Amino acid sequence: MDDDAADVSIDTLFEREFRGYHKQQVQDYVTWLQEQTRSAQHQVNVLEARLAEAEQEIARLRASPAG
């Protein structure tokens, strides 16, 4: 995820319109955030699966007779 997004205020992200923020800019930003969230969740899922595999391998090695 882009840490720079957290440092930017909402006033610099979106232009003001007569009654609020520019709707398309807001929608584009929300879409981008959703994509970032899906990507991060996918990374978490992959890493959790790798961790589970590593834990199983450790348990298997500990259970096997030495040498």
C-alpha atoms as a PDB file:
ATOM      1  CA  MET A   1       0.000   0.000   0.000  1.00  0.00           C
ATOM      2  CA  ASP A   2       1.053   3.529  -0.586  1.00  0.00           C
ATOM      3  CA  ASP A   3       1.978   5.190   2.704  1.00  0.00           C
ATOM      4  CA  ASP A   4       1.932   8.607   1.009  1.00  0.00           C
ATOM      5  CA  ALA A   5      -1.867   8.430   0.791  1.00  0.00           C
ATOM      6  CA  ALA A   6      -2.106   8.622   4.575  1.00  0.00           C
ATOM      7  CA  ASP A   7      -0.063  11.851   4.599  1.00  0.00           C
ATOM      8  CA  VAL A   8      -2.326  13.714   2.176  1.00  0.00           C
ATOM      9  CA  SER A   9      -5.326  15.646   3.444  1.00  0.00           C
ATOM     10  CA  ILE A  10      -8.701  15.175   1.816  1.00  0.00           C
ATOM     11  CA  ASP A  11      -8.619  18.787   0.613  1.00  0.00           C
ATOM     12  CA  THR A  12      -5.568  18.105  -1.541  1.00  0.00           C
ATOM     13  CA  LEU A  13      -6.956  14.840  -2.926  1.00  0.00           C
ATOM     14  CA  PHE A  14     -10.216  16.192  -4.327  1.00  0.00           C
ATOM     15  CA  GLU A  15     -11.246  19.454  -5.944  1.00  0.00           C
ATOM     16  CA  ARG A  16     -14.130  21.274  -4.318  1.00  0.00           C
ATOM     17  CA  GLU A  17     -17.363  21.650  -6.209  1.00  0.00           C
ATOM     18  CA  PHE A  18     -20.369  23.769  -5.405  1.00  0.00           C
ATOM     19  CA  ARG A  19     -21.806  21.132  -3.082  1.00  0.00           C
ATOM     20  CA  GLY A  20     -18.928  18.956  -1.921  1.00  0.00           C
ATOM     21  CA  TYR A  21     -16.117  17.075  -3.596  1.00  0.00           C
ATOM     22  CA  HIS A  22     -15.854  16.159  -7.267  1.00  0.00           C
ATOM     23  CA  LYS A  23     -17.842  12.927  -7.376  1.00  0.00           C
ATOM     24  CA  GLN A  24     -15.778  11.180 -10.064  1.00  0.00           C
ATOM     25  CA  GLN A  25     -12.526  11.883  -8.212  1.00  0.00           C
ATOM     26  CA  VAL A  26     -14.011  10.443  -5.040  1.00  0.00           C
ATOM     27  CA  GLN A  27     -15.306   7.370  -6.895  1.00  0.00           C
ATOM     28  CA  ASP A  28     -11.918   6.845  -8.565  1.00  0.00           C
ATOM     29  CA  TYR A  29     -10.190   7.106  -5.185  1.00  0.00           C
ATOM     30  CA  VAL A  30     -12.601   4.658  -3.557  1.00  0.00           C
ATOM     31  CA  THR A  31     -12.060   2.230  -6.445  1.00  0.00           C
ATOM     32  CA  TRP A  32      -8.274   2.565  -6.025  1.00  0.00           C
ATOM     33  CA  LEU A  33      -8.585   1.945  -2.272  1.00  0.00           C
ATOM     34  CA  GLN A  34     -10.684  -1.157  -2.912  1.00  0.00           C
ATOM     35  CA  GLU A  35      -8.046  -2.482  -5.312  1.00  0.00           C
ATOM     36  CA  GLN A  36      -5.296  -1.795  -2.754  1.00  0.00           C
ATOM     37  CA  THR A  37      -7.308  -3.572  -0.064  1.00  0.00           C
ATOM     38  CA  ARG A  38      -7.894  -6.617  -2.290  1.00  0.00           C
ATOM     39  CA  SER A  39      -4.196  -6.736  -3.148  1.00  0.00           C
ATOM     40  CA  ALA A  40      -3.156  -6.493   0.494  1.00  0.00           C
ATOM     41  CA  GLN A  41      -5.661  -9.184   1.504  1.00  0.00           C
ATOM     42  CA  HIS A  42      -4.325 -11.470  -1.230  1.00  0.00           C
ATOM     43  CA  GLN A  43      -0.787 -10.950   0.095  1.00  0.00           C
ATOM     44  CA  VAL A  44      -1.961 -11.764   3.617  1.00  0.00           C
ATOM     45  CA  ASN A  45      -3.651 -14.948   2.385  1.00  0.00           C
ATOM     46  CA  VAL A  46      -0.535 -16.065   0.518  1.00  0.00           C
ATOM     47  CA  LEU A  47       1.709 -15.383   3.504  1.00  0.00           C
ATOM     48  CA  GLU A  48      -0.656 -17.152   5.901  1.00  0.00           C
ATOM     49  CA  ALA A  49      -0.600 -20.215   3.651  1.00  0.00           C
ATOM     50  CA  ARG A  50       3.208 -20.146   3.504  1.00  0.00           C
ATOM     51  CA  LEU A  51       3.375 -19.810   7.283  1.00  0.00           C
ATOM     52  CA  ALA A  52       1.066 -22.783   7.759  1.00  0.00           C
ATOM     53  CA  GLU A  53       3.236 -24.871   5.410  1.00  0.00           C
ATOM     54  CA  ALA A  54       6.385 -23.851   7.292  1.00  0.00           C
ATOM     55  CA  GLU A  55       4.795 -24.698  10.641  1.00  0.00           C
ATOM     56  CA  GLN A  56       3.803 -28.129   9.324  1.00  0.00           C
ATOM     57  CA  GLU A  57       7.342 -28.726   8.076  1.00  0.00           C
ATOM     58  CA  ILE A  58       8.777 -27.741  11.460  1.00  0.00           C
ATOM     59  CA  ALA A  59       6.391 -30.107  13.246  1.00  0.00           C
ATOM     60  CA  ARG A  60       7.289 -32.898  10.814  1.00  0.00           C
ATOM     61  CA  LEU A  61      11.026 -32.365  11.342  1.00  0.00           C
ATOM     62  CA  ARG A  62      10.659 -32.251  15.111  1.00  0.00           C
ATOM     63  CA  ALA A  63       8.661 -35.490  15.075  1.00  0.00           C
ATOM     64  CA  SER A  64      11.141 -37.399  12.895  1.00  0.00           C
ATOM     65  CA  PRO A  65      13.937 -39.395  14.548  1.00  0.00           C
ATOM     66  CA  ALA A  66      17.278 -37.573  14.618  1.00  0.00           C
ATOM     67  CA  GLY A  67      19.794 -38.641  12.026  1.00  0.00           C
END
